[in-house]
Protein backbone atom coordinates (compact mmCIF):
# COMPACT_ATOMS: atom_id res chain seq x y z
CA UNK A 1 -11.89 -20.92 22.02
CA UNK A 2 -9.68 -19.26 19.38
CA UNK A 3 -11.38 -18.09 16.23
CA UNK A 4 -10.98 -20.50 13.31
CA UNK A 5 -11.85 -19.18 9.86
CA UNK A 6 -11.59 -21.69 7.04
CA UNK A 7 -10.76 -20.26 3.65
CA UNK A 8 -9.65 -21.75 0.37
CA UNK A 9 -5.90 -21.57 -0.14
CA UNK A 10 -5.07 -18.52 -2.23
CA UNK A 11 -3.73 -19.08 -5.74
CA UNK A 12 -2.43 -16.06 -7.61
CA UNK A 13 -1.94 -17.33 -11.12
CA UNK A 14 -2.23 -14.12 -13.06
CA UNK A 15 -2.20 -10.41 -12.43
CA UNK A 16 -3.27 -7.62 -14.75
CA UNK A 17 -4.22 -4.02 -14.18
CA UNK A 18 -6.62 -1.42 -15.47
CA UNK A 19 -6.34 2.35 -15.11
CA UNK A 20 -9.49 4.45 -14.74
CA UNK A 21 -10.10 8.13 -14.02
CA UNK A 22 -11.96 9.46 -10.99
CA UNK A 23 -14.91 10.40 -13.19
CA UNK A 24 -15.07 6.91 -14.74
CA UNK A 25 -14.90 5.15 -11.38
CA UNK A 26 -17.51 7.54 -9.93
CA UNK A 27 -19.91 6.71 -12.77
CA UNK A 28 -19.32 2.97 -12.37
CA UNK A 29 -19.85 3.07 -8.60
CA UNK A 30 -23.26 4.72 -9.07
CA UNK A 31 -24.40 2.40 -11.86
CA UNK A 32 -23.10 -0.96 -10.59
CA UNK A 33 -23.30 -2.34 -7.02
CA UNK A 34 -19.90 -2.29 -5.29
CA UNK A 35 -19.75 -6.06 -4.77
CA UNK A 36 -20.36 -6.77 -8.47
CA UNK A 37 -18.05 -3.99 -9.63
CA UNK A 38 -15.30 -5.33 -7.36
CA UNK A 39 -15.70 -8.79 -8.90
CA UNK A 40 -15.41 -7.30 -12.40
CA UNK A 41 -12.14 -5.65 -11.43
CA UNK A 42 -10.94 -8.75 -9.60
CA UNK A 43 -10.43 -6.93 -6.29
CA UNK A 44 -12.18 -7.12 -2.94
CA UNK A 45 -15.10 -4.77 -2.27
CA UNK A 46 -13.19 -3.44 0.75
CA UNK A 47 -10.18 -2.59 -1.44
CA UNK A 48 -12.50 -0.84 -3.90
CA UNK A 49 -14.12 1.11 -1.04
CA UNK A 50 -10.65 2.17 0.16
CA UNK A 51 -9.84 3.40 -3.33
CA UNK A 52 -13.04 5.49 -3.47
CA UNK A 53 -12.33 6.92 -0.05
CA UNK A 54 -8.74 7.81 -0.98
CA UNK A 55 -9.86 9.50 -4.20
CA UNK A 56 -12.80 11.30 -2.53
CA UNK A 57 -15.41 9.52 -4.64
CA UNK A 58 -18.86 9.36 -2.96
CA UNK A 59 -20.55 5.95 -2.84
CA UNK A 60 -24.22 4.90 -2.60
CA UNK A 61 -25.51 4.52 0.94
CA UNK A 62 -27.46 1.67 2.46
CA UNK A 63 -30.78 1.09 0.71
CA UNK A 64 -29.84 2.97 -2.46
CA UNK A 65 -30.16 -0.01 -4.81
CA UNK A 66 -33.39 -1.16 -3.15
CA UNK A 67 -34.96 2.26 -3.67
CA UNK A 68 -33.68 2.29 -7.25
CA UNK A 69 -35.19 -1.16 -7.91
CA UNK A 70 -38.51 0.04 -6.44
CA UNK A 71 -38.69 2.77 -9.08
CA UNK A 72 -37.51 5.67 -6.93
CA UNK A 73 -34.91 8.12 -8.18
CA UNK A 74 -32.61 8.75 -5.21
CA UNK A 75 -30.31 11.72 -5.58
CA UNK A 76 -26.69 11.17 -6.47
CA UNK A 77 -24.16 13.51 -4.84
CA UNK A 78 -21.87 15.20 -7.39
CA UNK A 79 -18.24 14.20 -7.75
CA UNK A 80 -16.18 16.65 -5.65
CA UNK A 81 -13.36 18.53 -7.32
CA UNK A 82 -9.97 16.87 -7.16
CA UNK A 83 -7.95 18.18 -4.24
CA UNK A 84 -4.30 19.20 -4.45
CA UNK A 85 -2.06 16.14 -4.36
CA UNK A 86 -4.95 13.81 -5.20
CA UNK A 87 -4.51 11.44 -8.15
CA UNK A 88 -6.72 11.88 -11.22
CA UNK A 89 -6.42 8.19 -12.16
CA UNK A 90 -6.05 4.91 -10.28
CA UNK A 91 -4.68 1.56 -11.40
CA UNK A 92 -6.72 -1.39 -10.11
CA UNK A 93 -4.70 -4.59 -10.11
CA UNK A 94 -6.70 -7.67 -11.07
CA UNK A 95 -5.64 -10.88 -9.32
CA UNK A 96 -7.28 -14.07 -10.52
CA UNK A 97 -8.47 -16.53 -7.87
CA UNK A 98 -8.10 -13.89 -5.17
CA UNK A 99 -9.30 -15.24 -1.85
CA UNK A 100 -12.02 -13.08 -0.32
CA UNK A 101 -13.18 -13.26 3.28
CA UNK A 102 -15.88 -15.83 3.97
CA UNK A 103 -19.30 -14.71 5.21
CA UNK A 104 -19.13 -13.51 8.77
CA UNK A 105 -20.13 -16.06 11.40
CA UNK A 106 -23.12 -15.58 13.65
CA UNK A 107 -22.37 -13.02 16.39
CA UNK A 108 -21.75 -14.57 19.80
CA UNK A 109 -23.93 -13.84 22.80
CA UNK A 110 -22.05 -11.34 24.96
CA UNK A 111 -23.06 -11.01 28.59
CA UNK A 112 -22.75 -7.64 30.31
CA UNK A 113 -21.29 -8.09 33.82
CA UNK A 114 -23.10 -6.65 36.82
CA UNK A 115 -19.94 -5.30 38.45
CA UNK A 116 -16.27 -4.62 37.75
CA UNK A 117 -14.81 -6.97 40.33
CA UNK A 118 -12.11 -9.13 38.71
CA UNK A 119 -12.40 -7.04 35.57
CA UNK A 120 -9.88 -7.30 32.74
CA UNK A 121 -6.60 -5.55 33.58
CA UNK A 122 -7.10 -3.02 30.77
CA UNK A 123 -10.56 -2.09 32.04
CA UNK A 124 -9.29 -1.81 35.63
CA UNK A 125 -6.61 0.61 34.49
CA UNK A 126 -9.12 2.49 32.37
CA UNK A 127 -11.41 2.88 35.40
CA UNK A 128 -8.50 4.26 37.42
CA UNK A 129 -7.63 6.78 34.71
CA UNK A 130 -11.29 7.75 34.33
CA UNK A 131 -11.55 8.44 38.07
CA UNK A 132 -9.09 11.33 37.74
CA UNK A 133 -9.99 12.42 34.21
CA UNK A 134 -10.87 16.01 33.40
CA UNK A 135 -14.05 17.20 31.73
CA UNK A 136 -14.38 18.63 28.24
CA UNK A 137 -16.53 21.60 27.24
CA UNK A 138 -19.63 19.39 27.13
CA UNK A 139 -19.21 18.04 30.63
CA UNK A 140 -17.89 14.63 29.56
CA UNK A 141 -15.05 12.84 31.32
CA UNK A 142 -12.40 12.25 28.67
CA UNK A 143 -9.67 9.60 28.56
CA UNK A 144 -7.35 9.78 25.57
CA UNK A 145 -6.95 12.53 23.00
CA UNK A 146 -9.69 14.95 22.04
CA UNK A 147 -9.72 13.81 18.40
CA UNK A 148 -9.73 10.07 19.20
CA UNK A 149 -10.71 9.48 22.85
CA UNK A 150 -10.87 6.07 24.48
CA UNK A 151 -13.75 7.28 26.63
CA UNK A 152 -15.80 10.46 26.54
CA UNK A 153 -18.88 10.12 28.76
CA UNK A 154 -20.56 12.17 31.49
CA UNK A 155 -20.31 10.97 35.09
CA UNK A 156 -23.84 9.53 34.85
CA UNK A 157 -22.78 7.11 32.08
CA UNK A 158 -19.28 6.11 33.10
CA UNK A 159 -20.32 2.95 34.99
CA UNK A 160 -22.38 1.61 32.10
CA UNK A 161 -19.58 2.49 29.68
CA UNK A 162 -17.02 0.51 31.71
CA UNK A 163 -19.37 -2.47 32.01
CA UNK A 164 -19.91 -2.48 28.24
CA UNK A 165 -16.18 -2.41 27.60
CA UNK A 166 -15.64 -5.15 30.18
CA UNK A 167 -18.23 -7.39 28.48
CA UNK A 168 -16.63 -6.69 25.10
CA UNK A 169 -13.16 -7.43 26.49
CA UNK A 170 -14.29 -10.75 27.98
CA UNK A 171 -15.80 -11.75 24.64
CA UNK A 172 -12.58 -10.91 22.80
CA UNK A 173 -10.43 -12.83 25.29
CA UNK A 174 -12.78 -15.84 25.14
CA UNK A 175 -12.16 -16.02 21.39
CA UNK A 176 -8.38 -15.89 21.73
CA UNK A 177 -7.75 -12.19 21.21
CA UNK A 178 -5.81 -9.71 23.35
CA UNK A 179 -7.14 -6.49 24.86
CA UNK A 180 -4.76 -3.82 26.18
CA UNK A 181 -4.73 -0.23 27.39
CA UNK A 182 -1.56 1.40 26.08
CA UNK A 183 -0.22 4.77 27.08
CA UNK A 184 0.95 7.01 24.24
CA UNK A 185 2.60 10.06 25.75
CA UNK A 186 -0.02 11.79 27.86
CA UNK A 187 -2.88 9.87 26.23
CA UNK A 188 -4.14 6.30 26.31
CA UNK A 189 -5.37 3.91 23.63
CA UNK A 190 -7.60 0.87 24.14
CA UNK A 191 -6.81 -1.83 21.57
CA UNK A 192 -7.80 -5.35 20.60
CA UNK A 193 -5.34 -7.56 18.70
CA UNK A 194 -7.06 -10.21 16.59
CA UNK A 195 -5.10 -12.40 14.18
CA UNK A 196 -2.07 -10.09 14.63
CA UNK A 197 -4.10 -7.04 13.53
CA UNK A 198 -4.45 -4.26 16.10
CA UNK A 199 -7.64 -2.17 16.18
CA UNK A 200 -8.38 0.81 18.38
CA UNK A 201 -11.61 0.92 20.40
CA UNK A 202 -13.40 3.99 21.70
CA UNK A 203 -16.66 4.59 23.55
CA UNK A 204 -18.28 8.01 23.58
CA UNK A 205 -21.66 9.44 24.43
CA UNK A 206 -23.25 11.01 21.39
CA UNK A 207 -24.16 14.66 21.65
CA UNK A 208 -27.52 16.28 21.08
CA UNK A 209 -27.90 19.93 20.19
CA UNK A 210 -30.31 22.79 20.78
CA UNK A 211 -30.32 26.39 19.58
CA UNK A 212 -27.84 28.46 21.55
CA UNK A 213 -29.36 30.89 24.02
CA UNK A 214 -27.49 34.17 23.92
CA UNK A 215 -25.99 35.47 27.13
CA UNK A 216 -26.49 39.17 28.01
CA UNK A 217 -22.95 39.93 26.80
CA UNK A 218 -23.58 38.07 23.53
CA UNK A 219 -26.85 39.94 23.06
CA UNK A 220 -24.96 43.24 23.29
CA UNK A 221 -22.38 42.00 20.76
CA UNK A 222 -25.07 40.86 18.33
CA UNK A 223 -26.78 44.24 18.67
CA UNK A 224 -23.49 45.81 17.54
CA UNK A 225 -23.31 43.37 14.59
CA UNK A 226 -20.54 41.28 16.17
CA UNK A 227 -21.25 37.56 15.66
CA UNK A 228 -17.63 36.35 15.91
CA UNK A 229 -17.39 32.95 17.65
CA UNK A 230 -20.94 33.04 18.93
CA UNK A 231 -22.17 29.43 18.54
CA UNK A 232 -25.37 28.64 16.71
CA UNK A 233 -26.04 25.53 18.78
CA UNK A 234 -25.27 24.24 22.24
CA UNK A 235 -24.21 20.58 22.43
CA UNK A 236 -24.87 18.29 25.38
CA UNK A 237 -24.67 14.54 26.09
CA UNK A 238 -27.73 12.80 24.72
CA UNK A 239 -27.59 9.56 26.71
CA UNK A 240 -26.75 7.38 23.67
CA UNK A 241 -23.45 5.54 23.82
CA UNK A 242 -21.41 4.67 20.73
CA UNK A 243 -18.58 2.14 20.33
CA UNK A 244 -16.21 2.55 17.38
CA UNK A 245 -13.46 0.47 15.80
CA UNK A 246 -10.77 2.78 14.47
CA UNK A 247 -9.41 2.45 10.91
CA UNK A 248 -12.06 -0.12 9.94
CA UNK A 249 -13.08 0.05 6.29
CA UNK A 250 -16.25 -1.94 6.82
CA UNK A 251 -18.76 -0.85 9.45
CA UNK A 252 -16.87 1.09 12.11
CA UNK A 253 -19.36 2.19 14.79
CA UNK A 254 -22.40 0.95 16.73
CA UNK A 255 -24.76 3.15 18.76
CA UNK A 256 -27.77 2.98 21.02
CA UNK A 257 -30.98 3.44 19.06
CA UNK A 258 -34.61 3.87 20.04
CA UNK A 259 -35.32 0.23 19.27
CA UNK A 260 -32.06 -1.49 20.18
CA UNK A 261 -29.57 -1.07 23.01
CA UNK A 262 -25.82 -1.12 22.45
CA UNK A 263 -25.71 -4.00 24.96
CA UNK A 264 -27.18 -6.28 22.27
CA UNK A 265 -24.66 -5.24 19.61
CA UNK A 266 -21.43 -6.34 21.32
CA UNK A 267 -21.43 -9.69 19.51
CA UNK A 268 -21.62 -7.89 16.17
CA UNK A 269 -18.67 -5.73 17.22
CA UNK A 270 -16.64 -8.85 18.04
CA UNK A 271 -17.41 -10.42 14.64
CA UNK A 272 -16.71 -7.13 12.85
CA UNK A 273 -13.29 -6.83 14.52
CA UNK A 274 -12.45 -10.42 13.54
CA UNK A 275 -13.63 -9.81 9.98
CA UNK A 276 -11.55 -6.63 9.76
CA UNK A 277 -8.50 -8.50 11.05
CA UNK A 278 -9.04 -11.30 8.52
CA UNK A 279 -9.50 -8.76 5.71
CA UNK A 280 -6.22 -7.10 6.66
CA UNK A 281 -4.50 -10.48 6.66
CA UNK A 282 -5.84 -11.24 3.18
CA UNK A 283 -4.78 -7.81 1.96
CA UNK A 284 -1.31 -8.47 3.33
CA UNK A 285 -1.28 -11.77 1.43
CA UNK A 286 -2.34 -9.93 -1.73
CA UNK A 287 0.26 -7.20 -1.11
CA UNK A 288 2.96 -9.84 -0.62
CA UNK A 289 1.91 -11.56 -3.83
CA UNK A 290 2.03 -8.22 -5.67
CA UNK A 291 5.51 -7.65 -4.23
CA UNK A 292 6.62 -11.10 -5.43
CA UNK A 293 5.12 -10.48 -8.88
CA UNK A 294 6.84 -7.09 -9.11
CA UNK A 295 10.12 -8.62 -7.92
CA UNK A 296 9.78 -11.41 -10.49
CA UNK A 297 9.10 -8.85 -13.23
CA UNK A 298 12.08 -6.78 -12.08
CA UNK A 299 14.37 -9.83 -12.21
CA UNK A 300 13.00 -10.74 -15.64
CA UNK A 301 13.68 -7.19 -16.87
CA UNK A 302 17.19 -7.28 -15.46
CA UNK A 303 17.82 -10.70 -17.03
CA UNK A 304 16.54 -9.45 -20.40
CA UNK A 305 18.74 -6.36 -20.10
CA UNK A 306 21.73 -8.57 -19.21
CA UNK A 307 21.12 -10.79 -22.22
CA UNK A 308 20.78 -7.72 -24.44
CA UNK A 309 24.06 -6.34 -23.12
CA UNK A 310 25.71 -9.70 -23.81
CA UNK A 311 24.34 -9.71 -27.38
CA UNK A 312 25.57 -6.17 -27.93
CA UNK A 313 28.99 -7.02 -26.45
CA UNK A 314 29.27 -10.16 -28.62
CA UNK A 315 28.30 -8.24 -31.76
CA UNK A 316 30.81 -5.52 -30.93
CA UNK A 317 33.52 -8.13 -30.26
CA UNK A 318 32.84 -9.95 -33.51
CA UNK A 319 33.00 -6.64 -35.41
CA UNK A 320 36.37 -6.00 -33.77
CA UNK A 321 37.57 -9.51 -34.74
CA UNK A 322 36.57 -8.91 -38.37
CA UNK A 323 38.29 -5.55 -38.37
CA UNK A 324 41.42 -7.16 -36.87
CA UNK A 325 41.33 -9.95 -39.48
CA UNK A 326 41.14 -7.49 -42.33
CA UNK A 327 43.94 -5.42 -40.80
CA UNK A 328 46.18 -8.49 -40.46
CA UNK A 329 45.45 -9.48 -44.06
CA UNK A 330 46.29 -5.96 -45.22
CA UNK A 331 49.58 -5.96 -43.28
CA UNK A 332 50.48 -9.43 -44.51
CA UNK A 333 49.85 -8.33 -48.12
CA UNK A 334 51.88 -5.18 -47.51
CA UNK A 335 54.70 -7.21 -45.91
CA UNK A 336 54.74 -9.61 -48.88
CA UNK A 337 54.89 -6.63 -51.24
CA UNK A 338 57.79 -5.08 -49.30
CA UNK A 339 59.68 -8.40 -49.20
CA UNK A 340 59.19 -8.79 -52.99
CA UNK A 341 60.39 -5.26 -53.55
CA UNK A 342 63.53 -5.81 -51.43
CA UNK A 343 64.19 -9.05 -53.37
CA UNK A 344 64.04 -7.00 -56.56
CA UNK A 345 66.48 -4.45 -55.08
CA UNK A 346 68.97 -7.19 -54.22
CA UNK A 347 68.63 -8.71 -57.69
CA UNK A 348 69.19 -5.38 -59.37
CA UNK A 349 72.09 -4.41 -57.13
CA UNK A 350 74.71 -7.15 -56.57
CA UNK A 351 76.32 -7.31 -53.17
CA UNK A 352 79.64 -6.09 -54.58
CA UNK A 353 78.00 -2.84 -55.62
CA UNK A 354 76.29 -2.07 -52.32
CA UNK A 355 77.84 0.63 -50.17
CA UNK A 356 77.42 0.95 -46.41
CA UNK A 357 74.30 3.07 -46.73
CA UNK A 358 72.58 0.52 -48.94
CA UNK A 359 73.54 -2.38 -46.65
CA UNK A 360 72.23 -0.53 -43.61
CA UNK A 361 69.02 0.46 -45.38
CA UNK A 362 68.36 -3.09 -46.61
CA UNK A 363 68.78 -4.43 -43.07
CA UNK A 364 66.38 -1.81 -41.70
CA UNK A 365 63.85 -2.45 -44.51
CA UNK A 366 63.87 -6.21 -43.87
CA UNK A 367 63.20 -5.57 -40.20
CA UNK A 368 60.24 -3.28 -41.03
CA UNK A 369 58.81 -5.85 -43.43
CA UNK A 370 59.07 -8.49 -40.72
CA UNK A 371 57.30 -6.19 -38.23
CA UNK A 372 54.48 -5.67 -40.72
CA UNK A 373 53.97 -9.40 -41.27
CA UNK A 374 51.52 -10.91 -38.68
CA UNK A 375 52.95 -14.37 -39.39
CA UNK A 376 56.14 -13.44 -37.56
CA UNK A 377 54.11 -13.87 -34.30
CA UNK A 378 51.74 -16.68 -35.21
CA UNK A 379 50.54 -17.30 -31.65
CA UNK A 380 49.01 -13.81 -31.55
CA UNK A 381 47.00 -14.21 -34.72
CA UNK A 382 43.98 -16.09 -33.31
CA UNK A 383 41.71 -14.30 -30.75
CA UNK A 384 38.87 -15.68 -28.61
CA UNK A 385 35.47 -15.61 -30.29
CA UNK A 386 33.82 -14.63 -27.00
CA UNK A 387 34.32 -11.22 -25.37
CA UNK A 388 36.21 -11.23 -22.10
CA UNK A 389 34.57 -10.14 -18.84
């Protein structure tokens, strides 16, 4: 049956932000429980944990607040120095009515199969790859890369490891999720896709250590004072298997313990993977809402800038209209003055007394007076009160 998680519909009615320094956030994390601090900031506790991890801010471990409440004084690790390229401050965006994941459901009962007949296709392929896998320096068969293997177990544990992964795969499929073994170059990756979120899965045997016993050659080197690349410990498989979910910001690994076998933890792994997938979905919703808010703010800024440009253009146009009006009035006054002067010339100098030069000059002067007068082209006097595009 597919997983159904009921949550309240998200409503993002307001967003604000607060900027704090690494030192401030470090102090707050060690004086206020993460869940309560996250609520004060209006973010999820997972998002706050991601921020601390990104900024290299240590956080209290499990049981810290209980020991503190009991009167103990557990030690607080110091704040590490800021690394190159690491931010000194962080801006936490507060989103009101942010939907947070609901409490995780009860883990399902996961049965471990007795054999690998009719196993999931991904586990069948994984078994085939494991059959021809090489060994690492600790004697473990390794499938996948050295830094993030799919499997890293000795021959004695490989059957149990495959059966555990088969039981886990069946549980995922029964809840509507997809399990696949993908090949990435020369390496493989085992993944589960839940609610469109893909998580990597690995199973390794944890290593124990013992003091390194020097070989005769190493004893001679040590006698000469040469300790270069001589190990302090020897590591060997300890018989305890560990399953990990990659890139999970909540709990990411489960291991055999003295009191509880990994076989009984598979249901918790299933629920954790589903919770991680749901958290990612909610973070995507929050990220999309932030994008919409930022886009809305950008459009509002652009609209305000457009309106400001229009106001500036209108003010500039009206200044030009006033300047043009005053210029036309000045020219009209000057034209009237010239016309009056020419009338005076004609009155003082009868036509019979005008020679050719005077006649020509009067004609030219009348033309210039007409050119000065804006009323000679009345249709060009009025201009639009709005600036053109």
